PDB file of N, CA and C in Angstrom:
ATOM      1  N   MET A   1      19.091  -6.327  -4.938  1.00  0.00           N
ATOM      2  CA  MET A   1      17.487  -5.807  -5.036  1.00  0.00           C
ATOM      3  C   MET A   1      17.021  -5.779  -3.311  1.00  0.00           C
ATOM      4  N   ALA A   2      16.055  -4.921  -3.263  1.00  0.00           N
ATOM      5  CA  ALA A   2      15.500  -4.422  -1.800  1.00  0.00           C
ATOM      6  C   ALA A   2      14.073  -4.866  -1.877  1.00  0.00           C
ATOM      7  N   GLN A   3      13.054  -4.901  -1.030  1.00  0.00           N
ATOM      8  CA  GLN A   3      12.001  -5.299  -1.029  1.00  0.00           C
ATOM      9  C   GLN A   3      11.089  -4.742  -0.489  1.00  0.00           C
ATOM     10  N   LEU A   4       9.876  -4.244  -1.044  1.00  0.00           N
ATOM     11  CA  LEU A   4       9.242  -3.537  -0.506  1.00  0.00           C
ATOM     12  C   LEU A   4       7.776  -3.947  -0.153  1.00  0.00           C
ATOM     13  N   HIS A   5       7.209  -4.357   0.844  1.00  0.00           N
ATOM     14  CA  HIS A   5       6.064  -4.662   1.158  1.00  0.00           C
ATOM     15  C   HIS A   5       5.202  -3.722   1.731  1.00  0.00           C
ATOM     16  N   VAL A   6       3.954  -3.988   0.934  1.00  0.00           N
ATOM     17  CA  VAL A   6       2.765  -2.571   1.108  1.00  0.00           C
ATOM     18  C   VAL A   6       1.677  -3.199   1.745  1.00  0.00           C
ATOM     19  N   ALA A   7       0.763  -2.884   3.039  1.00  0.00           N
ATOM     20  CA  ALA A   7      -0.263  -3.809   3.823  1.00  0.00           C
ATOM     21  C   ALA A   7      -1.289  -2.558   3.692  1.00  0.00           C
ATOM     22  N   LEU A   8      -2.528  -3.491   2.743  1.00  0.00           N
ATOM     23  CA  LEU A   8      -3.508  -2.161   2.814  1.00  0.00           C
ATOM     24  C   LEU A   8      -4.325  -2.579   3.967  1.00  0.00           C
ATOM     25  N   GLN A   9      -4.505  -1.318   4.974  1.00  0.00           N
ATOM     26  CA  GLN A   9      -5.199  -1.762   6.232  1.00  0.00           C
ATOM     27  C   GLN A   9      -6.786  -1.562   6.530  1.00  0.00           C
ATOM     28  N   GLU A  10      -6.497  -0.002   7.065  1.00  0.00           N
ATOM     29  CA  GLU A  10      -7.979   0.686   7.926  1.00  0.00           C
ATOM     30  C   GLU A  10      -8.606   1.085   6.448  1.00  0.00           C
ATOM     31  N   GLY A  11      -9.780   1.213   6.978  1.00  0.00           N
ATOM     32  CA  GLY A  11     -10.672   1.891   5.595  1.00  0.00           C
ATOM     33  C   GLY A  11     -11.335   1.603   4.661  1.00  0.00           C
ATOM     34  N   PHE A  12     -10.694   0.200   4.216  1.00  0.00           N
ATOM     35  CA  PHE A  12     -11.279  -0.280   2.527  1.00  0.00           C
ATOM     36  C   PHE A  12     -12.352  -1.065   2.449  1.00  0.00           C
ATOM     37  N   GLU A  13     -13.958  -0.094   1.746  1.00  0.00           N
ATOM     38  CA  GLU A  13     -14.857  -0.717   1.994  1.00  0.00           C
ATOM     39  C   GLU A  13     -15.600  -1.453   0.356  1.00  0.00           C
ATOM     40  N   ASP A  14     -14.913  -2.655  -0.174  1.00  0.00           N
ATOM     41  CA  ASP A  14     -15.512  -2.745  -1.399  1.00  0.00           C
ATOM     42  C   ASP A  14     -14.489  -2.235  -2.595  1.00  0.00           C
ATOM     43  N   GLU A  15     -13.572  -1.730  -2.563  1.00  0.00           N
ATOM     44  CA  GLU A  15     -12.745  -0.834  -3.653  1.00  0.00           C
ATOM     45  C   GLU A  15     -11.706  -1.610  -4.454  1.00  0.00           C
ATOM     46  N   THR A  16     -11.856  -0.906  -5.475  1.00  0.00           N
ATOM     47  CA  THR A  16     -11.070  -1.495  -6.794  1.00  0.00           C
ATOM     48  C   THR A  16      -9.320  -0.397  -6.215  1.00  0.00           C
ATOM     49  N   VAL A  17      -8.346  -1.048  -6.262  1.00  0.00           N
ATOM     50  CA  VAL A  17      -7.023  -0.643  -5.706  1.00  0.00           C
ATOM     51  C   VAL A  17      -6.166  -0.812  -6.991  1.00  0.00           C
ATOM     52  N   VAL A  18      -5.567  -0.081  -7.492  1.00  0.00           N
ATOM     53  CA  VAL A  18      -4.466   0.017  -8.185  1.00  0.00           C
ATOM     54  C   VAL A  18      -3.351   0.515  -7.949  1.00  0.00           C
ATOM     55  N   ILE A  19      -2.438  -0.305  -7.622  1.00  0.00           N
ATOM     56  CA  ILE A  19      -0.533   0.458  -7.370  1.00  0.00           C
ATOM     57  C   ILE A  19       0.317   0.273  -8.518  1.00  0.00           C
ATOM     58  N   ARG A  20       0.900   0.912  -8.478  1.00  0.00           N
ATOM     59  CA  ARG A  20       2.132   1.293  -9.524  1.00  0.00           C
ATOM     60  C   ARG A  20       3.378   1.121  -8.260  1.00  0.00           C
ATOM     61  N   VAL A  21       4.581   0.991  -8.868  1.00  0.00           N
ATOM     62  CA  VAL A  21       5.915   0.787  -8.031  1.00  0.00           C
ATOM     63  C   VAL A  21       6.943   1.543  -9.849  1.00  0.00           C
ATOM     64  N   ALA A  22       7.546   2.305  -9.076  1.00  0.00           N
ATOM     65  CA  ALA A  22       8.519   2.865 -10.280  1.00  0.00           C
ATOM     66  C   ALA A  22       7.787   2.901 -11.635  1.00  0.00           C
ATOM     67  N   GLY A  23       6.685   3.511 -11.669  1.00  0.00           N
ATOM     68  CA  GLY A  23       5.843   3.491 -13.121  1.00  0.00           C
ATOM     69  C   GLY A  23       5.204   2.606 -13.438  1.00  0.00           C
ATOM     70  N   ARG A  24       5.441   1.269 -12.763  1.00  0.00           N
ATOM     71  CA  ARG A  24       4.717  -0.380 -13.253  1.00  0.00           C
ATOM     72  C   ARG A  24       4.035  -0.637 -12.803  1.00  0.00           C
ATOM     73  N   GLU A  25       2.973  -1.171 -12.716  1.00  0.00           N
ATOM     74  CA  GLU A  25       1.475  -1.658 -12.125  1.00  0.00           C
ATOM     75  C   GLU A  25       1.814  -3.234 -11.250  1.00  0.00           C
ATOM     76  N   THR A  26       1.861  -2.851 -10.066  1.00  0.00           N
ATOM     77  CA  THR A  26       2.200  -3.730  -9.343  1.00  0.00           C
ATOM     78  C   THR A  26       0.999  -4.557  -8.581  1.00  0.00           C
ATOM     79  N   PHE A  27      -0.088  -4.406  -8.994  1.00  0.00           N
ATOM     80  CA  PHE A  27      -1.160  -4.652  -8.158  1.00  0.00           C
ATOM     81  C   PHE A  27      -2.944  -4.211  -8.632  1.00  0.00           C
ATOM     82  N   ARG A  28      -3.381  -4.954  -8.685  1.00  0.00           N
ATOM     83  CA  ARG A  28      -5.039  -4.261  -9.156  1.00  0.00           C
ATOM     84  C   ARG A  28      -5.740  -5.115  -8.929  1.00  0.00           C
ATOM     85  N   LYS A  29      -6.765  -4.827  -8.165  1.00  0.00           N
ATOM     86  CA  LYS A  29      -7.745  -5.658  -7.302  1.00  0.00           C
ATOM     87  C   LYS A  29      -8.734  -5.224  -7.303  1.00  0.00           C
ATOM     88  N   ASP A  30     -10.258  -5.659  -7.502  1.00  0.00           N
ATOM     89  CA  ASP A  30     -11.650  -5.247  -6.920  1.00  0.00           C
ATOM     90  C   ASP A  30     -11.857  -5.576  -5.859  1.00  0.00           C
ATOM     91  N   ASN A  31     -12.898  -4.722  -5.350  1.00  0.00           N
ATOM     92  CA  ASN A  31     -13.586  -5.848  -4.015  1.00  0.00           C
ATOM     93  C   ASN A  31     -12.762  -5.648  -2.788  1.00  0.00           C
ATOM     94  N   VAL A  32     -11.807  -5.299  -2.719  1.00  0.00           N
ATOM     95  CA  VAL A  32     -10.872  -5.010  -1.571  1.00  0.00           C
ATOM     96  C   VAL A  32     -11.686  -4.690  -0.484  1.00  0.00           C
ATOM     97  N   SER A  33     -11.820  -5.173   0.910  1.00  0.00           N
ATOM     98  CA  SER A  33     -12.203  -4.750   2.077  1.00  0.00           C
ATOM     99  C   SER A  33     -11.595  -5.121   3.266  1.00  0.00           C
ATOM    100  N   THR A  34     -11.568  -3.744   4.267  1.00  0.00           N
ATOM    101  CA  THR A  34     -10.766  -4.455   5.589  1.00  0.00           C
ATOM    102  C   THR A  34     -11.548  -5.084   6.226  1.00  0.00           C
ATOM    103  N   LYS A  35     -10.656  -6.809   6.733  1.00  0.00           N
ATOM    104  CA  LYS A  35     -11.424  -7.288   7.755  1.00  0.00           C
ATOM    105  C   LYS A  35     -11.273  -6.624   9.437  1.00  0.00           C
ATOM    106  N   LEU A  36     -12.172  -6.185   9.480  1.00  0.00           N
ATOM    107  CA  LEU A  36     -12.397  -5.051  11.045  1.00  0.00           C
ATOM    108  C   LEU A  36     -11.665  -5.701  12.101  1.00  0.00           C
ATOM    109  N   GLN A  37     -11.762  -6.972  12.076  1.00  0.00           N
ATOM    110  CA  GLN A  37     -11.531  -7.680  13.297  1.00  0.00           C
ATOM    111  C   GLN A  37      -9.406  -7.606  13.397  1.00  0.00           C
ATOM    112  N   ILE A  38      -9.048  -7.172  12.517  1.00  0.00           N
ATOM    113  CA  ILE A  38      -7.563  -7.159  12.631  1.00  0.00           C
ATOM    114  C   ILE A  38      -6.579  -6.034  11.872  1.00  0.00           C
ATOM    115  N   GLY A  39      -8.037  -5.524  10.732  1.00  0.00           N
ATOM    116  CA  GLY A  39      -7.179  -4.079  10.560  1.00  0.00           C
ATOM    117  C   GLY A  39      -6.903  -4.521   9.048  1.00  0.00           C
ATOM    118  N   PHE A  40      -6.719  -5.362   8.475  1.00  0.00           N
ATOM    119  CA  PHE A  40      -6.230  -5.724   7.071  1.00  0.00           C
ATOM    120  C   PHE A  40      -7.134  -6.050   6.127  1.00  0.00           C
ATOM    121  N   ALA A  41      -6.682  -5.530   5.075  1.00  0.00           N
ATOM    122  CA  ALA A  41      -7.148  -5.680   3.491  1.00  0.00           C
ATOM    123  C   ALA A  41      -6.616  -6.811   2.831  1.00  0.00           C
ATOM    124  N   ASP A  42      -5.612  -6.302   2.519  1.00  0.00           N
ATOM    125  CA  ASP A  42      -4.729  -7.192   1.379  1.00  0.00           C
ATOM    126  C   ASP A  42      -3.294  -6.959   1.759  1.00  0.00           C
ATOM    127  N   SER A  43      -2.089  -7.293   0.777  1.00  0.00           N
ATOM    128  CA  SER A  43      -0.976  -7.258   0.928  1.00  0.00           C
ATOM    129  C   SER A  43      -0.666  -7.264  -0.719  1.00  0.00           C
ATOM    130  N   LEU A  44       0.862  -6.673  -0.603  1.00  0.00           N
ATOM    131  CA  LEU A  44       1.753  -7.382  -1.770  1.00  0.00           C
ATOM    132  C   LEU A  44       3.465  -7.195  -1.605  1.00  0.00           C
ATOM    133  N   GLU A  45       4.367  -7.794  -2.259  1.00  0.00           N
ATOM    134  CA  GLU A  45       5.545  -7.745  -1.960  1.00  0.00           C
ATOM    135  C   GLU A  45       6.342  -7.295  -3.467  1.00  0.00           C
ATOM    136  N   VAL A  46       6.987  -6.382  -3.952  1.00  0.00           N
ATOM    137  CA  VAL A  46       7.761  -5.883  -4.534  1.00  0.00           C
ATOM    138  C   VAL A  46       9.111  -6.103  -4.449  1.00  0.00           C
ATOM    139  N   ASN A  47      10.225  -6.402  -5.392  1.00  0.00           N
ATOM    140  CA  ASN A  47      11.069  -6.379  -5.410  1.00  0.00           C
ATOM    141  C   ASN A  47      11.678  -4.993  -6.022  1.00  0.00           C
ATOM    142  N   VAL A  48      12.534  -4.273  -5.401  1.00  0.00           N
ATOM    143  CA  VAL A  48      12.627  -2.863  -6.128  1.00  0.00           C
ATOM    144  C   VAL A  48      14.155  -2.628  -6.519  1.00  0.00           C
ATOM    145  N   GLU A  49      14.707  -1.636  -7.052  1.00  0.00           N
ATOM    146  CA  GLU A  49      15.980  -1.495  -7.040  1.00  0.00           C
ATOM    147  C   GLU A  49      16.750  -0.400  -5.807  1.00  0.00           C
ATOM    148  N   ALA A  50      17.305  -1.010  -4.840  1.00  0.00           N
ATOM    149  CA  ALA A  50      17.671  -0.119  -3.525  1.00  0.00           C
ATOM    150  C   ALA A  50      17.662   1.196  -3.916  1.00  0.00           C
ATOM    151  N   GLY A  51      17.309   2.137  -3.006  1.00  0.00           N
ATOM    152  CA  GLY A  51      17.108   3.461  -3.227  1.00  0.00           C
ATOM    153  C   GLY A  51      15.998   4.088  -3.387  1.00  0.00           C
ATOM    154  N   SER A  52      15.697   5.474  -3.641  1.00  0.00           N
ATOM    155  CA  SER A  52      14.362   6.064  -3.631  1.00  0.00           C
ATOM    156  C   SER A  52      13.772   5.286  -4.735  1.00  0.00           C
ATOM    157  N   VAL A  53      12.384   4.842  -4.540  1.00  0.00           N
ATOM    158  CA  VAL A  53      11.138   4.196  -4.864  1.00  0.00           C
ATOM    159  C   VAL A  53       9.565   5.590  -5.224  1.00  0.00           C
ATOM    160  N   ILE A  54       9.137   5.175  -5.955  1.00  0.00           N
ATOM    161  CA  ILE A  54       7.941   6.044  -6.304  1.00  0.00           C
ATOM    162  C   ILE A  54       6.611   4.841  -5.788  1.00  0.00           C
ATOM    163  N   ILE A  55       5.906   5.065  -5.270  1.00  0.00           N
ATOM    164  CA  ILE A  55       4.597   4.280  -5.097  1.00  0.00           C
ATOM    165  C   ILE A  55       3.486   5.169  -5.467  1.00  0.00           C
ATOM    166  N   GLU A  56       2.572   4.646  -6.499  1.00  0.00           N
ATOM    167  CA  GLU A  56       1.568   5.522  -6.455  1.00  0.00           C
ATOM    168  C   GLU A  56       0.138   4.536  -6.197  1.00  0.00           C
ATOM    169  N   ILE A  57      -0.779   5.278  -5.630  1.00  0.00           N
ATOM    170  CA  ILE A  57      -1.791   4.609  -4.900  1.00  0.00           C
ATOM    171  C   ILE A  57      -3.186   4.991  -5.280  1.00  0.00           C
ATOM    172  N   ASP A  58      -4.035   4.125  -6.091  1.00  0.00           N
ATOM    173  CA  ASP A  58      -4.990   4.901  -7.000  1.00  0.00           C
ATOM    174  C   ASP A  58      -6.217   3.609  -6.659  1.00  0.00           C
ATOM    175  N   LEU A  59      -7.295   4.748  -5.870  1.00  0.00           N
ATOM    176  CA  LEU A  59      -8.846   4.099  -5.956  1.00  0.00           C
ATOM    177  C   LEU A  59      -9.724   4.759  -6.584  1.00  0.00           C
ATOM    178  N   PRO A  60      -9.905   4.382  -8.099  1.00  0.00           N
ATOM    179  CA  PRO A  60     -10.467   4.959  -8.932  1.00  0.00           C
ATOM    180  C   PRO A  60     -12.239   5.179  -8.499  1.00  0.00           C
ATOM    181  N   SER A  61     -12.375   4.281  -7.600  1.00  0.00           N
ATOM    182  CA  SER A  61     -14.049   4.403  -7.350  1.00  0.00           C
ATOM    183  C   SER A  61     -14.553   5.721  -6.457  1.00  0.00           C
ATOM    184  N   LYS A  62     -13.371   6.163  -5.610  1.00  0.00           N
ATOM    185  CA  LYS A  62     -13.541   7.273  -4.584  1.00  0.00           C
ATOM    186  C   LYS A  62     -13.155   8.249  -5.383  1.00  0.00           C
ATOM    187  N   SER A  63     -12.195   8.100  -6.072  1.00  0.00           N
ATOM    188  CA  SER A  63     -11.342   9.426  -6.828  1.00  0.00           C
ATOM    189  C   SER A  63     -10.407   9.971  -6.037  1.00  0.00           C
ATOM    190  N   LEU A  64      -9.448   8.666  -5.516  1.00  0.00           N
ATOM    191  CA  LEU A  64      -8.445   8.962  -4.651  1.00  0.00           C
ATOM    192  C   LEU A  64      -7.141   8.715  -4.997  1.00  0.00           C
ATOM    193  N   SER A  65      -6.110   9.243  -5.341  1.00  0.00           N
ATOM    194  CA  SER A  65      -5.147   9.147  -5.493  1.00  0.00           C
ATOM    195  C   SER A  65      -3.999   9.573  -4.680  1.00  0.00           C
ATOM    196  N   LYS A  66      -2.639   8.706  -4.322  1.00  0.00           N
ATOM    197  CA  LYS A  66      -1.702   9.329  -3.490  1.00  0.00           C
ATOM    198  C   LYS A  66      -0.114   8.791  -4.153  1.00  0.00           C
ATOM    199  N   SER A  67       1.100   9.689  -4.266  1.00  0.00           N
ATOM    200  CA  SER A  67       2.305   9.454  -4.706  1.00  0.00           C
ATOM    201  C   SER A  67       3.178   9.386  -3.416  1.00  0.00           C
ATOM    202  N   ILE A  68       3.686   8.208  -3.289  1.00  0.00           N
ATOM    203  CA  ILE A  68       4.557   8.203  -1.885  1.00  0.00           C
ATOM    204  C   ILE A  68       6.211   7.860  -2.636  1.00  0.00           C
ATOM    205  N   GLU A  69       7.139   8.672  -2.062  1.00  0.00           N
ATOM    206  CA  GLU A  69       8.724   8.841  -2.467  1.00  0.00           C
ATOM    207  C   GLU A  69       9.242   8.419  -1.130  1.00  0.00           C
ATOM    208  N   LEU A  70       9.749   6.879  -0.989  1.00  0.00           N
ATOM    209  CA  LEU A  70      10.339   5.893  -0.144  1.00  0.00           C
ATOM    210  C   LEU A  70      11.633   5.648  -0.334  1.00  0.00           C
ATOM    211  N   GLN A  71      13.189   5.978   0.379  1.00  0.00           N
ATOM    212  CA  GLN A  71      14.129   5.394   0.652  1.00  0.00           C
ATOM    213  C   GLN A  71      13.778   3.722   0.801  1.00  0.00           C
ATOM    214  N   VAL A  72      14.447   2.680   0.328  1.00  0.00           N
ATOM    215  CA  VAL A  72      13.613   1.209   0.228  1.00  0.00           C
ATOM    216  C   VAL A  72      15.461   0.963   0.323  1.00  0.00           C
ATOM    217  N   PRO A  73      16.270   0.673   1.544  1.00  0.00           N
ATOM    218  CA  PRO A  73      17.268   0.530   1.424  1.00  0.00           C
ATOM    219  C   PRO A  73      17.674  -0.995   1.454  1.00  0.00           C
ATOM    220  N   ASN A  74      16.814  -1.955   2.253  1.00  0.00           N
ATOM    221  CA  ASN A  74      16.648  -3.529   2.111  1.00  0.00           C
ATOM    222  C   ASN A  74      15.244  -4.060   1.766  1.00  0.00           C
ATOM    223  N   ALA A  75      14.517  -3.745   3.026  1.00  0.00           N
ATOM    224  CA  ALA A  75      13.134  -4.018   3.119  1.00  0.00           C
ATOM    225  C   ALA A  75      12.577  -2.860   4.162  1.00  0.00           C
ATOM    226  N   VAL A  76      11.564  -2.660   3.154  1.00  0.00           N
ATOM    227  CA  VAL A  76      10.576  -1.823   4.047  1.00  0.00           C
ATOM    228  C   VAL A  76       9.037  -2.362   3.749  1.00  0.00           C
ATOM    229  N   TYR A  77       8.606  -1.613   4.743  1.00  0.00           N
ATOM    230  CA  TYR A  77       6.820  -1.865   4.617  1.00  0.00           C
ATOM    231  C   TYR A  77       5.882  -0.659   5.290  1.00  0.00           C
ATOM    232  N   LEU A  78       5.245  -0.848   4.259  1.00  0.00           N
ATOM    233  CA  LEU A  78       4.022   0.537   3.554  1.00  0.00           C
ATOM    234  C   LEU A  78       3.046   0.210   4.335  1.00  0.00           C
ATOM    235  N   GLY A  79       2.636   0.763   5.554  1.00  0.00           N
ATOM    236  CA  GLY A  79       1.318   0.457   5.687  1.00  0.00           C
ATOM    237  C   GLY A  79       0.060   1.566   5.149  1.00  0.00           C
ATOM    238  N   VAL A  80      -1.003   1.243   4.192  1.00  0.00           N
ATOM    239  CA  VAL A  80      -1.796   2.755   3.943  1.00  0.00           C
ATOM    240  C   VAL A  80      -3.410   1.972   4.097  1.00  0.00           C
ATOM    241  N   SER A  81      -3.868   3.050   4.442  1.00  0.00           N
ATOM    242  CA  SER A  81      -5.250   3.283   4.871  1.00  0.00           C
ATOM    243  C   SER A  81      -5.939   4.467   4.451  1.00  0.00           C
ATOM    244  N   ILE A  82      -7.547   4.126   4.726  1.00  0.00           N
ATOM    245  CA  ILE A  82      -8.373   5.335   4.408  1.00  0.00           C
ATOM    246  C   ILE A  82      -8.411   6.144   5.369  1.00  0.00           C
ATOM    247  N   THR A  83      -8.333   7.264   5.515  1.00  0.00           N
ATOM    248  CA  THR A  83      -8.637   7.924   6.944  1.00  0.00           C
ATOM    249  C   THR A  83      -9.423   9.572   6.599  1.00  0.00           C
ATOM    250  N   ALA A  84     -10.471   9.226   6.976  1.00  0.00           N
ATOM    251  CA  ALA A  84     -11.356  10.566   6.824  1.00  0.00           C
ATOM    252  C   ALA A  84     -10.992  11.060   5.440  1.00  0.00           C
ATOM    253  N   GLY A  85     -11.487  10.082   4.295  1.00  0.00           N
ATOM    254  CA  GLY A  85     -11.418  10.324   3.094  1.00  0.00           C
ATOM    255  C   GLY A  85     -10.191  10.739   2.336  1.00  0.00           C
ATOM    256  N   LYS A  86      -9.240  10.667   2.684  1.00  0.00           N
ATOM    257  CA  LYS A  86      -7.636  10.524   2.478  1.00  0.00           C
ATOM    258  C   LYS A  86      -6.535   9.217   2.595  1.00  0.00           C
ATOM    259  N   ILE A  87      -6.071   9.206   1.452  1.00  0.00           N
ATOM    260  CA  ILE A  87      -5.240   7.902   1.687  1.00  0.00           C
ATOM    261  C   ILE A  87      -3.886   8.221   2.787  1.00  0.00           C
ATOM    262  N   GLU A  88      -3.844   8.234   3.499  1.00  0.00           N
ATOM    263  CA  GLU A  88      -2.764   7.705   4.745  1.00  0.00           C
ATOM    264  C   GLU A  88      -1.730   6.748   4.393  1.00  0.00           C
ATOM    265  N   TYR A  89      -0.665   6.811   5.147  1.00  0.00           N
ATOM    266  CA  TYR A  89       0.482   5.856   5.539  1.00  0.00           C
ATOM    267  C   TYR A  89       1.305   6.063   6.304  1.00  0.00           C
ATOM    268  N   LYS A  90       1.990   4.964   6.823  1.00  0.00           N
ATOM    269  CA  LYS A  90       3.012   4.723   7.322  1.00  0.00           C
ATOM    270  C   LYS A  90       3.971   3.764   7.484  1.00  0.00           C
ATOM    271  N   VAL A  91       5.325   4.041   7.440  1.00  0.00           N
ATOM    272  CA  VAL A  91       6.440   3.306   7.230  1.00  0.00           C
ATOM    273  C   VAL A  91       7.462   2.743   8.567  1.00  0.00           C
ATOM    274  N   SER A  92       7.699   1.304   7.998  1.00  0.00           N
ATOM    275  CA  SER A  92       8.078   0.850   9.346  1.00  0.00           C
ATOM    276  C   SER A  92       9.366  -0.171   8.991  1.00  0.00           C
ATOM    277  N   PRO A  93      10.257  -0.413   9.701  1.00  0.00           N
ATOM    278  CA  PRO A  93      11.713  -0.921   9.069  1.00  0.00           C
ATOM    279  C   PRO A  93      10.662  -2.785   9.274  1.00  0.00           C
ATOM    280  N   GLU A  94      10.108  -2.985   9.898  1.00  0.00           N
ATOM    281  CA  GLU A  94       9.432  -4.365  10.357  1.00  0.00           C
ATOM    282  C   GLU A  94       8.003  -4.266   9.986  1.00  0.00           C
ATOM    283  N   PRO A  95       7.689  -5.627  10.086  1.00  0.00           N
ATOM    284  CA  PRO A  95       6.161  -5.519   9.175  1.00  0.00           C
ATOM    285  C   PRO A  95       5.177  -5.738  10.034  1.00  0.00           C
ATOM    286  N   PHE A  96       4.549  -5.304   9.924  1.00  0.00           N
ATOM    287  CA  PHE A  96       2.671  -4.972  10.710  1.00  0.00           C
ATOM    288  C   PHE A  96       3.009  -5.959  11.591  1.00  0.00           C
ATOM    289  N   GLY A  97       2.081  -6.424  12.781  1.00  0.00           N
ATOM    290  CA  GLY A  97       1.792  -7.361  12.746  1.00  0.00           C
ATOM    291  C   GLY A  97       0.100  -8.020  13.140  1.00  0.00           C
ATOM    292  N   TYR A  98      -0.817  -8.668  12.810  1.00  0.00           N
ATOM    293  CA  TYR A  98      -2.299  -8.981  12.684  1.00  0.00           C
ATOM    294  C   TYR A  98      -2.139 -10.022  13.583  1.00  0.00           C
ATOM    295  N   LEU A  99      -3.535 -10.153  14.341  1.00  0.00           N
ATOM    296  CA  LEU A  99      -3.821 -11.010  15.002  1.00  0.00           C
ATOM    297  C   LEU A  99      -5.077 -12.032  14.208  1.00  0.00           C
TER     298      LEU A  99
END
């Protein structure tokens, strides 16, 4: 098994967020907002089979969605932000730092 860490970062303002990993809903939460001081809103960790994994992020209140295919060998950190009306993401082999 491998671990996928998803961090909801910048641009969330009282959002409903739904995340599916490999077709299974793993996160659903209302009122998700970024803490502006640290650029962090929420997070989740999911055990997945090592290899290719599809992550679907849906923000129904903004009619935004994004499908991301990642290779997850052992542990991968996925940072998700809303920028200029779009869902953007970055991938890191190490945890993101928040102060």
